[in-house]
Amino acid sequence: MAKAKTPRPTKPSKQVLTMPEAGSVPLVRKTSLVSSSSVDLDAQIRERAYELYLERGSTPGHENEDWLRAEREVLSRENHQQTA
């Protein structure tokens, strides 16, 4: 006589997550904490740091010093213009 099969415990099925359809989830607009003037300052600092790099003969390894010096110069100039 054939042996009766015992029921096996079922494995939990894997849940598959799908991306929502475009437009089905409302977009939340984040307000930017960065003002346009700070973006301008960042660009000015970047440009001045590059000028300092060129003035040093384009030798690598002083990026942080160039950036910090450029930042001091640009912010000092900006503060001077605001008080004038």
PDB file of N, CA and C in Angstrom:
ATOM      1  N   MET A   1       0.832  -1.163   0.000  1.00  0.00           N
ATOM      2  CA  MET A   1       0.000   0.000   0.000  1.00  0.00           C
ATOM      3  C   MET A   1       0.885   1.239   0.000  1.00  0.00           C
ATOM      4  N   ALA A   2       0.440   2.280  -0.727  1.00  0.00           N
ATOM      5  CA  ALA A   2       1.225   3.498  -0.873  1.00  0.00           C
ATOM      6  C   ALA A   2       1.170   4.299   0.405  1.00  0.00           C
ATOM      7  N   LYS A   3       2.291   4.933   0.676  1.00  0.00           N
ATOM      8  CA  LYS A   3       2.393   5.732   1.882  1.00  0.00           C
ATOM      9  C   LYS A   3       1.671   7.067   1.659  1.00  0.00           C
ATOM     10  N   ALA A   4       0.899   7.475   2.651  1.00  0.00           N
ATOM     11  CA  ALA A   4       0.159   8.732   2.535  1.00  0.00           C
ATOM     12  C   ALA A   4       1.126   9.911   2.650  1.00  0.00           C
ATOM     13  N   LYS A   5       0.919  10.896   1.817  1.00  0.00           N
ATOM     14  CA  LYS A   5       1.771  12.084   1.849  1.00  0.00           C
ATOM     15  C   LYS A   5       1.289  13.017   2.950  1.00  0.00           C
ATOM     16  N   THR A   6       2.284  13.536   3.671  1.00  0.00           N
ATOM     17  CA  THR A   6       1.917  14.511   4.698  1.00  0.00           C
ATOM     18  C   THR A   6       2.020  15.904   4.085  1.00  0.00           C
ATOM     19  N   PRO A   7       1.117  16.765   4.418  1.00  0.00           N
ATOM     20  CA  PRO A   7       1.167  18.102   3.834  1.00  0.00           C
ATOM     21  C   PRO A   7       2.415  18.855   4.320  1.00  0.00           C
ATOM     22  N   ARG A   8       3.058  19.510   3.383  1.00  0.00           N
ATOM     23  CA  ARG A   8       4.239  20.305   3.721  1.00  0.00           C
ATOM     24  C   ARG A   8       3.788  21.721   4.067  1.00  0.00           C
ATOM     25  N   PRO A   9       4.534  22.340   4.976  1.00  0.00           N
ATOM     26  CA  PRO A   9       4.188  23.741   5.258  1.00  0.00           C
ATOM     27  C   PRO A   9       4.483  24.589   4.019  1.00  0.00           C
ATOM     28  N   THR A  10       3.623  25.526   3.757  1.00  0.00           N
ATOM     29  CA  THR A  10       3.803  26.358   2.570  1.00  0.00           C
ATOM     30  C   THR A  10       4.781  27.485   2.876  1.00  0.00           C
ATOM     31  N   LYS A  11       5.605  27.771   1.890  1.00  0.00           N
ATOM     32  CA  LYS A  11       6.555  28.870   2.041  1.00  0.00           C
ATOM     33  C   LYS A  11       5.808  30.178   1.790  1.00  0.00           C
ATOM     34  N   PRO A  12       6.170  31.201   2.550  1.00  0.00           N
ATOM     35  CA  PRO A  12       5.519  32.481   2.272  1.00  0.00           C
ATOM     36  C   PRO A  12       5.949  32.971   0.892  1.00  0.00           C
ATOM     37  N   SER A  13       5.004  33.491   0.171  1.00  0.00           N
ATOM     38  CA  SER A  13       5.335  33.969  -1.171  1.00  0.00           C
ATOM     39  C   SER A  13       6.093  35.287  -1.058  1.00  0.00           C
ATOM     40  N   LYS A  14       7.009  35.481  -2.006  1.00  0.00           N
ATOM     41  CA  LYS A  14       7.775  36.718  -2.011  1.00  0.00           C
ATOM     42  C   LYS A  14       6.898  37.827  -2.568  1.00  0.00           C
ATOM     43  N   GLN A  15       6.932  38.954  -1.869  1.00  0.00           N
ATOM     44  CA  GLN A  15       6.149  40.094  -2.318  1.00  0.00           C
ATOM     45  C   GLN A  15       7.004  40.914  -3.268  1.00  0.00           C
ATOM     46  N   VAL A  16       6.451  41.250  -4.386  1.00  0.00           N
ATOM     47  CA  VAL A  16       7.153  42.028  -5.390  1.00  0.00           C
ATOM     48  C   VAL A  16       6.612  43.447  -5.353  1.00  0.00           C
ATOM     49  N   LEU A  17       7.529  44.399  -5.154  1.00  0.00           N
ATOM     50  CA  LEU A  17       7.127  45.792  -5.138  1.00  0.00           C
ATOM     51  C   LEU A  17       7.304  46.372  -6.534  1.00  0.00           C
ATOM     52  N   THR A  18       6.354  47.157  -6.942  1.00  0.00           N
ATOM     53  CA  THR A  18       6.445  47.784  -8.255  1.00  0.00           C
ATOM     54  C   THR A  18       6.420  49.288  -8.086  1.00  0.00           C
ATOM     55  N   MET A  19       7.012  49.961  -9.047  1.00  0.00           N
ATOM     56  CA  MET A  19       7.024  51.419  -9.036  1.00  0.00           C
ATOM     57  C   MET A  19       5.627  51.914  -9.390  1.00  0.00           C
ATOM     58  N   PRO A  20       5.199  53.017  -8.767  1.00  0.00           N
ATOM     59  CA  PRO A  20       3.882  53.555  -9.121  1.00  0.00           C
ATOM     60  C   PRO A  20       3.904  54.114 -10.532  1.00  0.00           C
ATOM     61  N   GLU A  21       2.752  54.126 -11.135  1.00  0.00           N
ATOM     62  CA  GLU A  21       2.617  54.675 -12.477  1.00  0.00           C
ATOM     63  C   GLU A  21       2.880  56.169 -12.439  1.00  0.00           C
ATOM     64  N   ALA A  22       3.422  56.671 -13.520  1.00  0.00           N
ATOM     65  CA  ALA A  22       3.694  58.109 -13.608  1.00  0.00           C
ATOM     66  C   ALA A  22       2.392  58.878 -13.468  1.00  0.00           C
ATOM     67  N   GLY A  23       2.390  59.868 -12.620  1.00  0.00           N
ATOM     68  CA  GLY A  23       1.211  60.690 -12.410  1.00  0.00           C
ATOM     69  C   GLY A  23       0.255  60.153 -11.366  1.00  0.00           C
ATOM     70  N   SER A  24       0.487  58.941 -10.880  1.00  0.00           N
ATOM     71  CA  SER A  24      -0.444  58.382  -9.903  1.00  0.00           C
ATOM     72  C   SER A  24      -0.135  58.854  -8.488  1.00  0.00           C
ATOM     73  N   VAL A  25       1.080  59.341  -8.276  1.00  0.00           N
ATOM     74  CA  VAL A  25       1.466  59.838  -6.963  1.00  0.00           C
ATOM     75  C   VAL A  25       1.678  61.344  -7.086  1.00  0.00           C
ATOM     76  N   PRO A  26       1.023  62.126  -6.229  1.00  0.00           N
ATOM     77  CA  PRO A  26       1.196  63.574  -6.339  1.00  0.00           C
ATOM     78  C   PRO A  26       2.628  63.971  -6.013  1.00  0.00           C
ATOM     79  N   LEU A  27       3.130  64.927  -6.766  1.00  0.00           N
ATOM     80  CA  LEU A  27       4.482  65.419  -6.534  1.00  0.00           C
ATOM     81  C   LEU A  27       4.462  66.436  -5.410  1.00  0.00           C
ATOM     82  N   VAL A  28       5.456  66.352  -4.545  1.00  0.00           N
ATOM     83  CA  VAL A  28       5.591  67.306  -3.460  1.00  0.00           C
ATOM     84  C   VAL A  28       6.747  68.218  -3.820  1.00  0.00           C
ATOM     85  N   ARG A  29       6.465  69.480  -3.882  1.00  0.00           N
ATOM     86  CA  ARG A  29       7.524  70.440  -4.214  1.00  0.00           C
ATOM     87  C   ARG A  29       8.251  70.830  -2.942  1.00  0.00           C
ATOM     88  N   LYS A  30       9.562  70.726  -3.005  1.00  0.00           N
ATOM     89  CA  LYS A  30      10.379  71.143  -1.873  1.00  0.00           C
ATOM     90  C   LYS A  30      10.834  72.572  -2.126  1.00  0.00           C
ATOM     91  N   THR A  31      10.758  73.373  -1.093  1.00  0.00           N
ATOM     92  CA  THR A  31      11.260  74.721  -1.245  1.00  0.00           C
ATOM     93  C   THR A  31      12.768  74.680  -1.096  1.00  0.00           C
ATOM     94  N   SER A  32      13.431  75.393  -1.938  1.00  0.00           N
ATOM     95  CA  SER A  32      14.877  75.393  -1.934  1.00  0.00           C
ATOM     96  C   SER A  32      15.394  76.256  -0.794  1.00  0.00           C
ATOM     97  N   LEU A  33      16.349  75.712  -0.058  1.00  0.00           N
ATOM     98  CA  LEU A  33      16.974  76.469   1.006  1.00  0.00           C
ATOM     99  C   LEU A  33      18.127  77.303   0.465  1.00  0.00           C
ATOM    100  N   VAL A  34      18.466  77.093  -0.780  1.00  0.00           N
ATOM    101  CA  VAL A  34      19.578  77.802  -1.397  1.00  0.00           C
ATOM    102  C   VAL A  34      19.010  78.954  -2.213  1.00  0.00           C
ATOM    103  N   SER A  35      19.389  80.159  -1.857  1.00  0.00           N
ATOM    104  CA  SER A  35      18.907  81.304  -2.615  1.00  0.00           C
ATOM    105  C   SER A  35      19.772  81.499  -3.841  1.00  0.00           C
ATOM    106  N   SER A  36      19.283  82.291  -4.770  1.00  0.00           N
ATOM    107  CA  SER A  36      20.041  82.515  -5.994  1.00  0.00           C
ATOM    108  C   SER A  36      21.337  83.244  -5.706  1.00  0.00           C
ATOM    109  N   SER A  37      21.359  84.081  -4.665  1.00  0.00           N
ATOM    110  CA  SER A  37      22.594  84.796  -4.349  1.00  0.00           C
ATOM    111  C   SER A  37      23.667  83.843  -3.836  1.00  0.00           C
ATOM    112  N   SER A  38      23.269  82.812  -3.084  1.00  0.00           N
ATOM    113  CA  SER A  38      24.272  81.865  -2.602  1.00  0.00           C
ATOM    114  C   SER A  38      24.785  80.993  -3.741  1.00  0.00           C
ATOM    115  N   VAL A  39      23.957  80.752  -4.753  1.00  0.00           N
ATOM    116  CA  VAL A  39      24.408  80.020  -5.926  1.00  0.00           C
ATOM    117  C   VAL A  39      25.422  80.863  -6.680  1.00  0.00           C
ATOM    118  N   ASP A  40      25.155  82.182  -6.789  1.00  0.00           N
ATOM    119  CA  ASP A  40      26.094  83.091  -7.430  1.00  0.00           C
ATOM    120  C   ASP A  40      27.416  83.118  -6.677  1.00  0.00           C
ATOM    121  N   LEU A  41      27.357  83.146  -5.353  1.00  0.00           N
ATOM    122  CA  LEU A  41      28.576  83.143  -4.548  1.00  0.00           C
ATOM    123  C   LEU A  41      29.372  81.866  -4.783  1.00  0.00           C
ATOM    124  N   ASP A  42      28.679  80.761  -4.850  1.00  0.00           N
ATOM    125  CA  ASP A  42      29.347  79.488  -5.086  1.00  0.00           C
ATOM    126  C   ASP A  42      30.081  79.508  -6.429  1.00  0.00           C
ATOM    127  N   ALA A  43      29.443  80.059  -7.437  1.00  0.00           N
ATOM    128  CA  ALA A  43      30.073  80.144  -8.752  1.00  0.00           C
ATOM    129  C   ALA A  43      31.272  81.075  -8.714  1.00  0.00           C
ATOM    130  N   GLN A  44      31.163  82.187  -7.990  1.00  0.00           N
ATOM    131  CA  GLN A  44      32.282  83.118  -7.872  1.00  0.00           C
ATOM    132  C   GLN A  44      33.456  82.484  -7.138  1.00  0.00           C
ATOM    133  N   ILE A  45      33.152  81.741  -6.082  1.00  0.00           N
ATOM    134  CA  ILE A  45      34.201  81.060  -5.321  1.00  0.00           C
ATOM    135  C   ILE A  45      34.884  80.029  -6.205  1.00  0.00           C
ATOM    136  N   ARG A  46      34.089  79.275  -6.950  1.00  0.00           N
ATOM    137  CA  ARG A  46      34.644  78.249  -7.839  1.00  0.00           C
ATOM    138  C   ARG A  46      35.574  78.878  -8.876  1.00  0.00           C
ATOM    139  N   GLU A  47      35.135  79.997  -9.462  1.00  0.00           N
ATOM    140  CA  GLU A  47      35.956  80.672 -10.464  1.00  0.00           C
ATOM    141  C   GLU A  47      37.263  81.186  -9.858  1.00  0.00           C
ATOM    142  N   ARG A  48      37.178  81.796  -8.664  1.00  0.00           N
ATOM    143  CA  ARG A  48      38.376  82.335  -8.031  1.00  0.00           C
ATOM    144  C   ARG A  48      39.324  81.211  -7.630  1.00  0.00           C
ATOM    145  N   ALA A  49      38.797  80.093  -7.150  1.00  0.00           N
ATOM    146  CA  ALA A  49      39.642  78.952  -6.793  1.00  0.00           C
ATOM    147  C   ALA A  49      40.369  78.431  -8.024  1.00  0.00           C
ATOM    148  N   TYR A  50      39.693  78.428  -9.157  1.00  0.00           N
ATOM    149  CA  TYR A  50      40.329  77.990 -10.397  1.00  0.00           C
ATOM    150  C   TYR A  50      41.424  78.971 -10.814  1.00  0.00           C
ATOM    151  N   GLU A  51      41.168  80.267 -10.641  1.00  0.00           N
ATOM    152  CA  GLU A  51      42.199  81.265 -10.939  1.00  0.00           C
ATOM    153  C   GLU A  51      43.435  81.051 -10.068  1.00  0.00           C
ATOM    154  N   LEU A  52      43.219  80.767  -8.796  1.00  0.00           N
ATOM    155  CA  LEU A  52      44.343  80.516  -7.884  1.00  0.00           C
ATOM    156  C   LEU A  52      45.115  79.275  -8.326  1.00  0.00           C
ATOM    157  N   TYR A  53      44.409  78.261  -8.755  1.00  0.00           N
ATOM    158  CA  TYR A  53      45.028  77.041  -9.266  1.00  0.00           C
ATOM    159  C   TYR A  53      45.911  77.369 -10.475  1.00  0.00           C
ATOM    160  N   LEU A  54      45.408  78.178 -11.380  1.00  0.00           N
ATOM    161  CA  LEU A  54      46.178  78.559 -12.561  1.00  0.00           C
ATOM    162  C   LEU A  54      47.388  79.409 -12.175  1.00  0.00           C
ATOM    163  N   GLU A  55      47.201  80.310 -11.207  1.00  0.00           N
ATOM    164  CA  GLU A  55      48.300  81.161 -10.752  1.00  0.00           C
ATOM    165  C   GLU A  55      49.440  80.341 -10.150  1.00  0.00           C
ATOM    166  N   ARG A  56      49.126  79.203  -9.554  1.00  0.00           N
ATOM    167  CA  ARG A  56      50.135  78.322  -8.980  1.00  0.00           C
ATOM    168  C   ARG A  56      50.774  77.430 -10.027  1.00  0.00           C
ATOM    169  N   GLY A  57      50.435  77.619 -11.265  1.00  0.00           N
ATOM    170  CA  GLY A  57      51.004  76.799 -12.330  1.00  0.00           C
ATOM    171  C   GLY A  57      50.255  75.502 -12.550  1.00  0.00           C
ATOM    172  N   SER A  58      49.019  75.452 -12.155  1.00  0.00           N
ATOM    173  CA  SER A  58      48.147  74.273 -12.349  1.00  0.00           C
ATOM    174  C   SER A  58      48.693  73.018 -11.685  1.00  0.00           C
ATOM    175  N   THR A  59      49.362  73.197 -10.553  1.00  0.00           N
ATOM    176  CA  THR A  59      49.865  72.020  -9.827  1.00  0.00           C
ATOM    177  C   THR A  59      48.775  71.502  -8.900  1.00  0.00           C
ATOM    178  N   PRO A  60      48.473  70.219  -8.981  1.00  0.00           N
ATOM    179  CA  PRO A  60      47.409  69.652  -8.143  1.00  0.00           C
ATOM    180  C   PRO A  60      47.871  69.488  -6.695  1.00  0.00           C
ATOM    181  N   GLY A  61      46.903  69.252  -5.834  1.00  0.00           N
ATOM    182  CA  GLY A  61      47.208  68.937  -4.443  1.00  0.00           C
ATOM    183  C   GLY A  61      46.914  70.064  -3.471  1.00  0.00           C
ATOM    184  N   HIS A  62      46.420  71.192  -3.968  1.00  0.00           N
ATOM    185  CA  HIS A  62      46.135  72.329  -3.097  1.00  0.00           C
ATOM    186  C   HIS A  62      44.687  72.791  -3.249  1.00  0.00           C
ATOM    187  N   GLU A  63      43.815  71.871  -3.587  1.00  0.00           N
ATOM    188  CA  GLU A  63      42.422  72.223  -3.870  1.00  0.00           C
ATOM    189  C   GLU A  63      41.740  72.862  -2.671  1.00  0.00           C
ATOM    190  N   ASN A  64      41.945  72.281  -1.499  1.00  0.00           N
ATOM    191  CA  ASN A  64      41.283  72.812  -0.300  1.00  0.00           C
ATOM    192  C   ASN A  64      41.777  74.207   0.028  1.00  0.00           C
ATOM    193  N   GLU A  65      43.090  74.420  -0.058  1.00  0.00           N
ATOM    194  CA  GLU A  65      43.642  75.740   0.223  1.00  0.00           C
ATOM    195  C   GLU A  65      43.111  76.773  -0.767  1.00  0.00           C
ATOM    196  N   ASP A  66      43.074  76.387  -2.055  1.00  0.00           N
ATOM    197  CA  ASP A  66      42.553  77.292  -3.077  1.00  0.00           C
ATOM    198  C   ASP A  66      41.103  77.651  -2.796  1.00  0.00           C
ATOM    199  N   TRP A  67      40.318  76.641  -2.452  1.00  0.00           N
ATOM    200  CA  TRP A  67      38.891  76.877  -2.204  1.00  0.00           C
ATOM    201  C   TRP A  67      38.705  77.792  -0.997  1.00  0.00           C
ATOM    202  N   LEU A  68      39.411  77.516   0.078  1.00  0.00           N
ATOM    203  CA  LEU A  68      39.241  78.322   1.287  1.00  0.00           C
ATOM    204  C   LEU A  68      39.697  79.765   1.078  1.00  0.00           C
ATOM    205  N   ARG A  69      40.807  79.945   0.372  1.00  0.00           N
ATOM    206  CA  ARG A  69      41.274  81.304   0.083  1.00  0.00           C
ATOM    207  C   ARG A  69      40.267  82.037  -0.801  1.00  0.00           C
ATOM    208  N   ALA A  70      39.778  81.353  -1.832  1.00  0.00           N
ATOM    209  CA  ALA A  70      38.791  81.958  -2.726  1.00  0.00           C
ATOM    210  C   ALA A  70      37.526  82.310  -1.962  1.00  0.00           C
ATOM    211  N   GLU A  71      37.111  81.432  -1.074  1.00  0.00           N
ATOM    212  CA  GLU A  71      35.915  81.680  -0.276  1.00  0.00           C
ATOM    213  C   GLU A  71      36.097  82.925   0.587  1.00  0.00           C
ATOM    214  N   ARG A  72      37.257  83.039   1.252  1.00  0.00           N
ATOM    215  CA  ARG A  72      37.527  84.223   2.074  1.00  0.00           C
ATOM    216  C   ARG A  72      37.485  85.497   1.232  1.00  0.00           C
ATOM    217  N   GLU A  73      38.144  85.458   0.079  1.00  0.00           N
ATOM    218  CA  GLU A  73      38.200  86.641  -0.778  1.00  0.00           C
ATOM    219  C   GLU A  73      36.819  87.048  -1.274  1.00  0.00           C
ATOM    220  N   VAL A  74      36.057  86.092  -1.771  1.00  0.00           N
ATOM    221  CA  VAL A  74      34.735  86.397  -2.335  1.00  0.00           C
ATOM    222  C   VAL A  74      33.787  86.869  -1.249  1.00  0.00           C
ATOM    223  N   LEU A  75      33.777  86.197  -0.099  1.00  0.00           N
ATOM    224  CA  LEU A  75      32.873  86.602   0.980  1.00  0.00           C
ATOM    225  C   LEU A  75      33.269  87.959   1.544  1.00  0.00           C
ATOM    226  N   SER A  76      34.565  88.221   1.623  1.00  0.00           N
ATOM    227  CA  SER A  76      35.027  89.519   2.091  1.00  0.00           C
ATOM    228  C   SER A  76      34.578  90.617   1.126  1.00  0.00           C
ATOM    229  N   ARG A  77      34.734  90.371  -0.159  1.00  0.00           N
ATOM    230  CA  ARG A  77      34.315  91.331  -1.172  1.00  0.00           C
ATOM    231  C   ARG A  77      32.793  91.548  -1.104  1.00  0.00           C
ATOM    232  N   GLU A  78      32.047  90.459  -0.923  1.00  0.00           N
ATOM    233  CA  GLU A  78      30.583  90.541  -0.840  1.00  0.00           C
ATOM    234  C   GLU A  78      30.159  91.346   0.381  1.00  0.00           C
ATOM    235  N   ASN A  79      30.786  91.077   1.532  1.00  0.00           N
ATOM    236  CA  ASN A  79      30.454  91.810   2.751  1.00  0.00           C
ATOM    237  C   ASN A  79      30.799  93.288   2.618  1.00  0.00           C
ATOM    238  N   HIS A  80      31.898  93.580   1.955  1.00  0.00           N
ATOM    239  CA  HIS A  80      32.299  94.975   1.745  1.00  0.00           C
ATOM    240  C   HIS A  80      31.288  95.692   0.862  1.00  0.00           C
ATOM    241  N   GLN A  81      30.785  95.014  -0.165  1.00  0.00           N
ATOM    242  CA  GLN A  81      29.805  95.629  -1.064  1.00  0.00           C
ATOM    243  C   GLN A  81      28.476  95.877  -0.359  1.00  0.00           C
ATOM    244  N   GLN A  82      28.118  94.989   0.573  1.00  0.00           N
ATOM    245  CA  GLN A  82      26.850  95.141   1.270  1.00  0.00           C
ATOM    246  C   GLN A  82      26.889  96.289   2.264  1.00  0.00           C
ATOM    247  N   THR A  83      28.050  96.556   2.834  1.00  0.00           N
ATOM    248  CA  THR A  83      28.154  97.635   3.819  1.00  0.00           C
ATOM    249  C   THR A  83      28.376  98.979   3.155  1.00  0.00           C
ATOM    250  N   ALA A  84      28.755  98.970   1.887  1.00  0.00           N
ATOM    251  CA  ALA A  84      29.012 100.242   1.187  1.00  0.00           C
ATOM    252  C   ALA A  84      27.747 100.866   0.663  1.00  0.00           C
TER     253      ALA A  84
END
